[in-house]
Amino acid sequence: MPSRGRSARRALELALRVGAIAVLGWALWLATRADVTALRRERVEADALRAHLKAWTRDGAPDSIRVRLDSLPDDSLLDWLVALRRAGAAVGWSGDVAPIALVVEPVNAPAGGVRVLAAAPADTVIELADAAGPLATVRAASGGVGARVPALAASASATLGRTVARGVARDSVLPGDVLILGTAGWEARYVIAALEESDWRVDARLTIAPGLEVRRGTPAAIDTVRYGAVLVLDSAGARDARRIAAFARSGGGVVLSGIAAGLPALRDIAPGTPGARVRPAVVAFTSDAPRRALAFLPVARTKGDALALEVRDGRIAVAARRVGAGRVLQVGYDESWRWRMQGGEPGLEAHRRWWSDAVASVALRRSLPVASIGSGRGAAPRAALFSALGPPAASAHADAPGERARRTLHPWMLVLGLMLLLAEWASRRLRGAA
C-alpha cells in the first residue's frame, strides 16, 4: 500500500505535468490566433503633414505612418515625427531628398566677408542665395562648390532640385597680426603692401646684410598672443626657425615661401621640400590663370598628410598640412611681385587678394560665438532625416511593430513550461532512486 508521502508526490508530479501542458498550450494559442485588431496605416504628403499631426495628437496616431518628402520639414514637424516613433508608431519616409550640405563660415581676414561652401554630387547645378536674393548659380566639381561674399543677409541657402540646405555663421573671428621675415627686396616689399592694403596689421623684420636688418611696425616675440600668422619669405627666417615651428604647433599659422621650407628647423613642419625651379609656362599674365606666368619651386617629397592646393603641369605649387594645433602653407612662388608689377590693374587686385587669402587660410582663428536660431539640421537635410527617422522606407508602409508583437510567441511562457516539465521529471527520478 503506497504511503501518503508517495501519493502526495505523485499528485504534485501530475499537477506539474498538467501545468506545463496548459502553459505551452496557452502560448501556442496566443501565437497562432487570428489578429482581430486591424492596423491603421497612413500615407501622407509633405504639404498635409502638419494637419495630420494635429489630428493624430488629438485622436490617436496610426500604427504605421509613411511620409513622402522632397525636403526637410521644419524642426517642430520633425520632432513630432520622432516623438510618434518613440511612442510606438512605425514612422517611415520616402522621397527625393538630394544629398546636399551647406557650411557658412566667416573669412578669417580683417576685410571680413563670408565663405559659403556646399557639398553636392559632382556636375550638379547649385543655386546659392541669402534672404536678400540669389548669390550665384554654380556647377559642382569634385564634390562641391564655394562662393565668397562681403556679407550675408541673414542665413544662406543652397538649392539642389527641390531640396534646400540652409546655414548661418555660428561665430565671428578676430584676426591677429602678421609677422613677415625675409630679405629686403621686391618680394618682401609687395607682399607687405598686399597684406596692408587688405587691412592686415603687419610687423616685419627684413635683412639688408649680415647682422643688419630693418624693421617695420613693432616686431615682438613669436607667440600666439600677438600674432595669428608668420610669413617666412626666404632663408632670412633661419634664426627664428625653432620658434616658428613651436608657434605652429601651438596653434599659429605659418606660410613658407620659396626656399624657406628647406630650412633645417622648418623641414619637420613643412608640407614638403622645395624642388628645382620651374620656369614660367607663359610670358604674359592672364586673368584666368595669372600664376602660369610665374616661376616657382615645386613642393617635392610631400609628407603623407600634406594636401596639394594648386598643381601646375603635374607639379605641386602650393600645399598645406596640419601641425599640432596649427596649419602650415608652403608656397612655391617666390617672385610674386612680377604678378603685381606686370599684370596691370587686374594683377594688382588679384595679387593682393591671393596673398590675403593665403594668410587667412592658416591664421590662428580666434572665434566669438554669435546668437543663432534653429538646431542646424537644415544644413544637411538628407543626413538629418537619416538621423531622426532612419533610411528611406523601401516598402509601401513602414513595418508595424505592434503587429509583430501580437504574433510572436511569448518567451517567458516557454521558459515556465520547460521549468514545470523539468521539475516533474526530477521528482520522478528522485522518487525512483529512493
Protein backbone atom coordinates (compact mmCIF):
# COMPACT_ATOMS: atom_id res chain seq x y z
CA MET A 1 0.00 0.00 0.00
CA PRO A 2 1.64 3.33 -1.09
CA SER A 3 2.47 5.76 1.69
CA ARG A 4 0.88 9.16 1.99
CA GLY A 5 4.17 10.87 1.03
CA ARG A 6 4.45 8.85 -2.19
CA SER A 7 0.82 9.64 -3.09
CA ALA A 8 1.39 13.35 -2.46
CA ARG A 9 4.49 13.33 -4.65
CA ARG A 10 2.59 11.63 -7.49
CA ALA A 11 -0.16 14.22 -7.18
CA LEU A 12 2.43 17.00 -7.34
CA GLU A 13 4.05 15.45 -10.41
CA LEU A 14 0.66 15.22 -12.10
CA ALA A 15 -0.03 18.87 -11.29
CA LEU A 16 3.36 19.93 -12.67
CA ARG A 17 2.73 17.96 -15.88
CA VAL A 18 -0.76 19.41 -16.33
CA GLY A 19 0.54 22.93 -15.59
CA ALA A 20 3.33 22.61 -18.17
CA ILE A 21 0.94 21.37 -20.83
CA ALA A 22 -1.50 24.18 -20.01
CA VAL A 23 1.19 26.91 -20.22
CA LEU A 24 2.58 25.59 -23.51
CA GLY A 25 -0.91 25.26 -24.95
CA TRP A 26 -1.75 28.81 -23.94
CA ALA A 27 1.42 30.16 -25.56
CA LEU A 28 0.71 28.22 -28.74
CA TRP A 29 -2.85 29.56 -28.88
CA LEU A 30 -1.64 33.18 -28.45
CA ALA A 31 0.93 32.72 -31.20
CA THR A 32 -1.50 31.25 -33.75
CA ARG A 33 -4.75 33.01 -33.01
CA ALA A 34 -6.17 35.39 -35.64
CA ASP A 35 -5.24 39.08 -35.26
CA VAL A 36 -8.58 40.69 -34.72
CA THR A 37 -7.18 44.23 -34.50
CA ALA A 38 -6.83 45.91 -37.88
CA LEU A 39 -3.68 48.03 -38.17
CA ARG A 40 -4.17 51.69 -39.09
CA ARG A 41 -1.88 52.78 -41.86
CA GLU A 42 -1.47 56.35 -43.12
CA ARG A 43 0.32 57.67 -46.18
CA VAL A 44 0.87 61.45 -46.04
CA GLU A 45 2.23 64.07 -48.43
CA ALA A 46 4.56 66.72 -47.05
CA ASP A 47 2.15 69.64 -47.52
CA ALA A 48 -0.54 67.90 -45.43
CA LEU A 49 1.78 66.68 -42.67
CA ARG A 50 1.04 69.39 -40.11
CA ALA A 51 -2.74 68.91 -40.32
CA HIS A 52 -2.39 65.14 -39.92
CA LEU A 53 -0.04 65.50 -36.94
CA LYS A 54 -2.57 67.69 -35.17
CA ALA A 55 -5.33 65.15 -35.83
CA TRP A 56 -3.18 62.23 -34.66
CA THR A 57 -2.30 64.06 -31.47
CA ARG A 58 -5.99 64.64 -30.77
CA ASP A 59 -7.50 61.32 -31.92
CA GLY A 60 -4.59 58.87 -31.66
CA ALA A 61 -1.79 58.07 -34.07
CA PRO A 62 -1.98 55.22 -36.60
CA ASP A 63 0.23 52.13 -36.24
CA SER A 64 2.14 52.84 -39.45
CA ILE A 65 2.99 56.27 -40.89
CA ARG A 66 4.65 56.86 -44.25
CA VAL A 67 5.55 60.46 -45.18
CA ARG A 68 6.62 61.49 -48.65
CA LEU A 69 9.21 64.29 -48.51
CA ASP A 70 11.16 66.27 -51.08
CA SER A 71 12.88 68.46 -48.49
CA LEU A 72 13.47 68.59 -44.74
CA PRO A 73 10.37 69.51 -42.70
CA ASP A 74 10.84 72.24 -40.11
CA ASP A 75 12.17 71.34 -36.66
CA SER A 76 8.76 71.18 -34.97
CA LEU A 77 7.34 68.69 -37.52
CA LEU A 78 10.47 66.52 -37.47
CA ASP A 79 10.46 66.42 -33.65
CA TRP A 80 6.77 65.50 -33.80
CA LEU A 81 7.51 62.52 -36.05
CA VAL A 82 10.39 61.41 -33.81
CA ALA A 83 8.05 61.55 -30.79
CA LEU A 84 5.48 59.37 -32.58
CA ARG A 85 8.21 56.90 -33.50
CA ARG A 86 9.35 56.68 -29.88
CA ALA A 87 5.74 56.22 -28.77
CA GLY A 88 5.50 53.02 -30.82
CA ALA A 89 4.27 54.10 -34.26
CA ALA A 90 6.24 52.80 -37.23
CA VAL A 91 7.30 56.06 -38.91
CA GLY A 92 9.00 55.91 -42.30
CA TRP A 93 9.72 58.32 -45.11
CA SER A 94 10.38 58.28 -48.81
CA GLY A 95 11.08 60.85 -51.47
CA ASP A 96 13.79 62.53 -53.47
CA VAL A 97 15.77 64.44 -50.81
CA ALA A 98 19.04 65.31 -52.52
CA PRO A 99 22.39 64.73 -50.77
CA ILE A 100 23.46 68.34 -50.20
CA ALA A 101 25.11 70.05 -47.22
CA LEU A 102 25.94 73.68 -46.53
CA VAL A 103 28.57 75.39 -44.36
CA VAL A 104 28.72 79.12 -43.72
CA GLU A 105 31.86 80.50 -42.10
CA PRO A 106 33.37 83.95 -41.65
CA VAL A 107 36.58 84.68 -43.55
CA ASN A 108 39.48 84.92 -41.14
CA ALA A 109 40.74 88.24 -42.53
CA PRO A 110 40.46 91.90 -41.46
CA ALA A 111 38.35 92.76 -44.52
CA GLY A 112 35.82 90.23 -43.31
CA GLY A 113 33.42 88.51 -45.62
CA VAL A 114 31.65 85.18 -45.54
CA ARG A 115 32.52 81.93 -47.28
CA VAL A 116 29.61 79.72 -48.38
CA LEU A 117 30.56 76.10 -49.09
CA ALA A 118 28.13 73.49 -50.41
CA ALA A 119 28.83 69.75 -50.75
CA ALA A 120 26.88 68.06 -53.54
CA PRO A 121 27.28 65.39 -56.23
CA ALA A 122 29.69 66.36 -59.00
CA ASP A 123 28.27 68.06 -62.10
CA THR A 124 25.05 69.16 -60.38
CA VAL A 125 23.86 72.78 -60.53
CA ILE A 126 23.62 74.53 -57.15
CA GLU A 127 21.82 77.83 -56.54
CA LEU A 128 23.30 79.85 -53.67
CA ALA A 129 21.21 82.62 -52.11
CA ASP A 130 20.55 84.58 -48.94
CA ALA A 131 17.49 86.40 -47.62
CA ALA A 132 18.11 89.32 -49.99
CA GLY A 133 18.21 87.22 -53.17
CA PRO A 134 20.43 85.00 -55.33
CA LEU A 135 24.20 84.97 -54.78
CA ALA A 136 25.40 82.64 -57.54
CA THR A 137 24.44 79.66 -59.67
CA VAL A 138 27.38 77.27 -59.97
CA ARG A 139 28.09 73.74 -61.12
CA ALA A 140 29.59 71.41 -58.53
CA ALA A 141 33.00 69.95 -59.28
CA SER A 142 34.98 67.46 -57.17
CA GLY A 143 32.15 67.17 -54.68
CA GLY A 144 31.17 70.76 -54.02
CA VAL A 145 31.05 74.48 -54.75
CA GLY A 146 32.02 77.62 -52.90
CA ALA A 147 31.47 81.35 -53.02
CA ARG A 148 32.81 84.30 -51.06
CA VAL A 149 30.62 87.32 -50.41
CA PRO A 150 31.22 90.54 -48.45
CA ALA A 151 28.23 89.88 -46.18
CA LEU A 152 25.08 87.80 -45.85
CA ALA A 153 21.53 88.93 -45.32
CA ALA A 154 20.52 86.56 -42.50
CA SER A 155 21.01 82.89 -43.45
CA ALA A 156 22.38 81.38 -46.66
CA SER A 157 20.76 78.62 -48.70
CA ALA A 158 21.89 76.11 -51.29
CA THR A 159 19.24 74.60 -53.57
CA LEU A 160 19.64 71.34 -55.49
CA GLY A 161 16.46 70.37 -57.32
CA ARG A 162 13.69 70.73 -54.73
CA THR A 163 15.99 70.20 -51.75
CA VAL A 164 17.15 73.28 -49.86
CA ALA A 165 20.01 73.32 -47.33
CA ARG A 166 20.25 76.32 -45.02
CA GLY A 167 23.03 77.58 -42.79
CA VAL A 168 24.15 80.52 -40.71
CA ALA A 169 27.55 81.58 -39.44
CA ARG A 170 27.92 80.25 -35.89
CA ASP A 171 30.79 82.53 -34.91
CA SER A 172 32.77 85.62 -35.84
CA VAL A 173 36.55 85.98 -35.96
CA LEU A 174 39.16 88.40 -34.69
CA PRO A 175 42.23 88.12 -36.95
CA GLY A 176 45.60 88.58 -35.27
CA ASP A 177 48.67 90.43 -36.56
CA VAL A 178 51.06 89.05 -39.17
CA LEU A 179 54.85 88.87 -38.82
CA ILE A 180 56.89 88.79 -42.05
CA LEU A 181 60.50 87.59 -42.05
CA GLY A 182 62.64 87.86 -45.18
CA THR A 183 65.30 89.68 -47.14
CA ALA A 184 64.68 93.28 -48.16
CA GLY A 185 63.70 93.26 -51.83
CA TRP A 186 60.85 93.43 -54.29
CA GLU A 187 59.09 90.32 -52.99
CA ALA A 188 59.08 91.45 -49.37
CA ARG A 189 58.02 94.96 -50.32
CA TYR A 190 55.00 93.93 -52.34
CA VAL A 191 53.86 91.11 -50.08
CA ILE A 192 53.81 93.59 -47.20
CA ALA A 193 51.92 96.07 -49.40
CA ALA A 194 49.38 93.43 -50.45
CA LEU A 195 48.60 92.47 -46.84
CA GLU A 196 48.45 96.04 -45.54
CA GLU A 197 46.14 97.04 -48.38
CA SER A 198 43.90 94.15 -47.25
CA ASP A 199 43.84 95.69 -43.74
CA TRP A 200 46.16 93.18 -42.06
CA ARG A 201 48.29 94.64 -39.27
CA VAL A 202 51.82 93.75 -40.36
CA ASP A 203 55.13 93.68 -38.49
CA ALA A 204 58.26 92.86 -40.48
CA ARG A 205 61.94 92.13 -39.92
CA LEU A 206 63.87 92.36 -43.19
CA THR A 207 67.55 91.53 -43.56
CA ILE A 208 69.66 94.04 -45.51
CA ALA A 209 73.07 92.49 -44.89
CA PRO A 210 74.58 90.01 -42.41
CA GLY A 211 73.90 91.42 -38.95
CA LEU A 212 71.91 94.35 -40.36
CA GLU A 213 68.14 94.46 -40.63
CA VAL A 214 65.31 96.91 -40.96
CA ARG A 215 62.05 96.68 -39.03
CA ARG A 216 58.53 97.67 -39.87
CA GLY A 217 56.00 98.13 -37.11
CA THR A 218 56.97 96.79 -33.69
CA PRO A 219 58.03 93.15 -34.12
CA ALA A 220 57.54 91.19 -30.90
CA ALA A 221 58.16 87.68 -29.63
CA ILE A 222 56.74 85.00 -31.92
CA ASP A 223 53.74 83.68 -29.99
CA THR A 224 50.01 83.27 -30.47
CA VAL A 225 49.18 86.09 -28.06
CA ARG A 226 50.34 88.71 -30.56
CA TYR A 227 50.38 87.01 -33.96
CA GLY A 228 47.88 84.98 -35.91
CA ALA A 229 50.36 84.07 -38.66
CA VAL A 230 54.06 84.22 -39.52
CA LEU A 231 55.17 84.50 -43.14
CA VAL A 232 58.74 83.39 -43.97
CA LEU A 233 59.84 84.54 -47.41
CA ASP A 234 63.31 83.02 -47.63
CA SER A 235 66.31 81.89 -45.60
CA ALA A 236 66.26 85.11 -43.54
CA GLY A 237 63.95 83.32 -41.12
CA ALA A 238 66.61 80.77 -40.18
CA ARG A 239 67.46 82.25 -36.78
CA ASP A 240 63.81 82.13 -35.70
CA ALA A 241 63.05 78.74 -37.26
CA ARG A 242 62.71 76.82 -33.99
CA ARG A 243 60.39 79.45 -32.52
CA ILE A 244 58.33 79.41 -35.74
CA ALA A 245 57.94 75.62 -35.53
CA ALA A 246 56.82 75.89 -31.90
CA PHE A 247 54.42 78.69 -32.90
CA ALA A 248 52.79 76.41 -35.48
CA ARG A 249 52.42 73.51 -33.06
CA SER A 250 50.75 75.79 -30.51
CA GLY A 251 48.05 76.88 -32.99
CA GLY A 252 49.61 79.63 -35.08
CA GLY A 253 49.56 79.76 -38.87
CA VAL A 254 52.79 79.67 -40.89
CA VAL A 255 53.36 80.45 -44.57
CA LEU A 256 56.64 79.24 -46.05
CA SER A 257 57.57 80.81 -49.38
CA GLY A 258 60.23 79.63 -51.82
CA ILE A 259 63.32 78.14 -50.16
CA ALA A 260 62.06 78.83 -46.62
CA ALA A 261 60.57 75.31 -46.42
CA GLY A 262 64.07 73.91 -46.79
CA LEU A 263 65.43 75.49 -43.59
CA PRO A 264 66.57 72.70 -41.25
CA ALA A 265 64.32 73.60 -38.30
CA LEU A 266 61.30 74.07 -40.61
CA ARG A 267 61.55 70.83 -42.57
CA ASP A 268 59.57 68.95 -39.93
CA ILE A 269 56.56 71.24 -40.21
CA ALA A 270 56.70 71.97 -43.97
CA PRO A 271 54.35 70.01 -46.26
CA GLY A 272 57.34 69.08 -48.46
CA THR A 273 60.76 70.23 -49.62
CA PRO A 274 61.49 72.84 -52.31
CA GLY A 275 62.30 71.27 -55.67
CA ALA A 276 64.22 72.57 -58.68
CA ARG A 277 62.91 75.84 -60.07
CA VAL A 278 60.27 75.56 -62.81
CA ARG A 279 60.21 78.26 -65.47
CA PRO A 280 57.06 80.26 -66.28
CA ALA A 281 54.73 78.40 -68.63
CA VAL A 282 53.66 81.60 -70.45
CA VAL A 283 55.06 85.09 -70.89
CA ALA A 284 52.01 87.29 -70.24
CA PHE A 285 49.73 87.37 -67.21
CA THR A 286 46.13 86.42 -67.98
CA SER A 287 43.06 86.85 -65.81
CA ASP A 288 42.06 83.17 -65.88
CA ALA A 289 45.48 81.68 -64.96
CA PRO A 290 47.85 84.50 -63.98
CA ARG A 291 50.34 82.39 -61.98
CA ARG A 292 51.31 80.42 -65.08
CA ALA A 293 53.49 83.44 -65.88
CA LEU A 294 55.45 82.96 -62.64
CA ALA A 295 58.41 80.72 -61.94
CA PHE A 296 58.09 78.54 -58.83
CA LEU A 297 59.83 75.99 -56.64
CA PRO A 298 57.59 72.90 -56.66
CA VAL A 299 56.68 71.17 -53.41
CA ALA A 300 58.58 67.92 -53.69
CA ARG A 301 58.64 64.82 -51.47
CA THR A 302 55.40 65.78 -49.77
CA LYS A 303 54.57 64.29 -46.38
CA GLY A 304 51.75 61.78 -46.09
CA ASP A 305 49.30 64.21 -44.52
CA ALA A 306 50.04 67.10 -46.90
CA LEU A 307 47.24 68.38 -49.15
CA ALA A 308 48.00 69.76 -52.60
CA LEU A 309 46.09 73.01 -53.13
CA GLU A 310 47.47 74.07 -56.51
CA VAL A 311 49.01 71.87 -59.19
CA ARG A 312 50.70 73.20 -62.31
CA ASP A 313 51.57 70.81 -65.12
CA GLY A 314 51.79 67.86 -62.77
CA ARG A 315 53.87 69.68 -60.14
CA ILE A 316 52.54 70.92 -56.80
CA ALA A 317 52.86 74.70 -56.50
CA VAL A 318 51.01 75.17 -53.18
CA ALA A 319 50.44 72.63 -50.40
CA ALA A 320 49.26 72.66 -46.80
CA ARG A 321 49.23 70.43 -43.74
CA ARG A 322 48.24 70.50 -40.09
CA VAL A 323 50.99 70.60 -37.49
CA GLY A 324 49.87 70.18 -33.90
CA ALA A 325 47.14 72.75 -33.35
CA GLY A 326 48.24 74.95 -36.26
CA ARG A 327 48.46 74.91 -40.04
CA VAL A 328 51.37 75.38 -42.42
CA LEU A 329 51.11 76.56 -46.04
CA GLN A 330 54.01 76.06 -48.45
CA VAL A 331 54.01 78.41 -51.44
CA GLY A 332 56.38 77.72 -54.30
CA TYR A 333 56.08 81.22 -55.79
CA ASP A 334 58.93 83.46 -54.61
CA GLU A 335 58.67 86.17 -57.28
CA SER A 336 55.00 87.06 -57.00
CA TRP A 337 55.93 90.75 -57.24
CA ARG A 338 56.10 90.30 -61.03
CA TRP A 339 52.37 89.50 -60.97
CA ARG A 340 51.63 92.80 -59.24
CA MET A 341 54.02 94.85 -61.38
CA GLN A 342 53.34 93.32 -64.81
CA GLY A 343 49.73 92.17 -64.51
CA GLY A 344 48.19 95.62 -64.80
CA GLU A 345 45.28 96.77 -62.65
CA PRO A 346 43.65 93.29 -62.52
CA GLY A 347 47.03 91.82 -61.49
CA LEU A 348 47.41 94.27 -58.61
CA GLU A 349 44.00 93.39 -57.18
CA ALA A 350 44.44 89.64 -57.78
CA HIS A 351 47.91 89.65 -56.15
CA ARG A 352 46.51 91.47 -53.12
CA ARG A 353 43.60 89.08 -52.68
CA TRP A 354 45.70 85.96 -53.27
CA TRP A 355 48.19 86.80 -50.52
CA SER A 356 45.42 87.83 -48.11
CA ASP A 357 43.60 84.55 -48.72
CA ALA A 358 46.83 82.58 -48.28
CA VAL A 359 47.46 84.10 -44.86
CA ALA A 360 43.78 83.84 -43.87
CA SER A 361 43.74 80.12 -44.72
CA VAL A 362 46.26 79.31 -41.98
CA ALA A 363 46.00 82.19 -39.49
CA LEU A 364 45.04 81.37 -35.91
CA ARG A 365 41.28 81.54 -35.65
CA ARG A 366 40.06 83.48 -32.65
CA SER A 367 36.33 82.81 -32.67
CA LEU A 368 33.49 84.57 -30.92
CA PRO A 369 30.14 82.73 -30.85
CA VAL A 370 27.17 84.62 -32.21
CA ALA A 371 23.48 84.16 -31.47
CA SER A 372 21.81 81.85 -33.96
CA ILE A 373 18.33 80.46 -34.47
CA GLY A 374 17.47 76.84 -35.18
CA SER A 375 19.01 73.45 -34.49
CA GLY A 376 21.30 73.40 -37.53
CA ARG A 377 19.56 70.33 -39.01
CA GLY A 378 18.79 72.24 -42.21
CA ALA A 379 22.47 72.42 -43.14
CA ALA A 380 22.33 68.77 -44.27
CA PRO A 381 18.67 67.79 -44.92
CA ARG A 382 19.16 64.19 -46.01
CA ALA A 383 21.58 63.45 -43.18
CA ALA A 384 19.12 64.95 -40.69
CA LEU A 385 16.33 62.66 -41.94
CA PHE A 386 18.59 59.62 -41.69
CA SER A 387 19.50 60.58 -38.12
CA ALA A 388 15.91 61.21 -37.00
CA LEU A 389 13.88 58.61 -38.93
CA GLY A 390 16.40 56.21 -40.43
CA PRO A 391 16.90 55.44 -44.14
CA PRO A 392 14.03 55.79 -46.64
CA ALA A 393 11.40 53.04 -46.41
CA ALA A 394 11.56 50.61 -49.34
CA SER A 395 8.03 49.20 -48.94
CA ALA A 396 4.68 50.91 -49.26
CA HIS A 397 4.46 51.25 -45.47
CA ALA A 398 6.89 51.02 -42.66
CA ASP A 399 6.69 47.67 -40.87
CA ALA A 400 4.36 47.91 -37.87
CA PRO A 401 5.97 46.64 -34.64
CA GLY A 402 2.55 46.31 -32.97
CA GLU A 403 1.59 43.54 -35.40
CA ARG A 404 4.80 41.62 -34.79
CA ALA A 405 4.25 41.78 -31.02
CA ARG A 406 0.78 40.19 -31.30
CA ARG A 407 2.05 37.31 -33.43
CA THR A 408 5.23 36.47 -31.51
CA LEU A 409 5.40 33.52 -29.10
CA HIS A 410 5.93 34.77 -25.53
CA PRO A 411 9.41 33.56 -24.39
CA TRP A 412 8.53 33.59 -20.70
CA MET A 413 5.73 31.06 -21.33
CA LEU A 414 8.17 28.65 -22.96
CA VAL A 415 10.59 29.02 -20.07
CA LEU A 416 7.84 28.43 -17.46
CA GLY A 417 6.54 25.35 -19.30
CA LEU A 418 10.01 23.82 -19.58
CA MET A 419 10.72 24.51 -15.90
CA LEU A 420 7.49 22.73 -14.89
CA LEU A 421 8.36 19.69 -17.04
CA LEU A 422 11.89 19.64 -15.65
CA ALA A 423 10.57 19.74 -12.05
CA GLU A 424 8.17 16.86 -12.78
CA TRP A 425 10.93 14.78 -14.38
CA ALA A 426 13.34 15.44 -11.50
CA SER A 427 10.69 14.43 -8.95
CA ARG A 428 10.11 11.10 -10.71
CA ARG A 429 13.83 10.38 -10.90
CA LEU A 430 14.37 11.14 -7.23
CA ARG A 431 11.36 9.05 -6.30
CA GLY A 432 12.74 6.10 -8.28
CA ALA A 433 16.19 6.48 -6.73
CA ALA A 434 14.69 6.39 -3.25
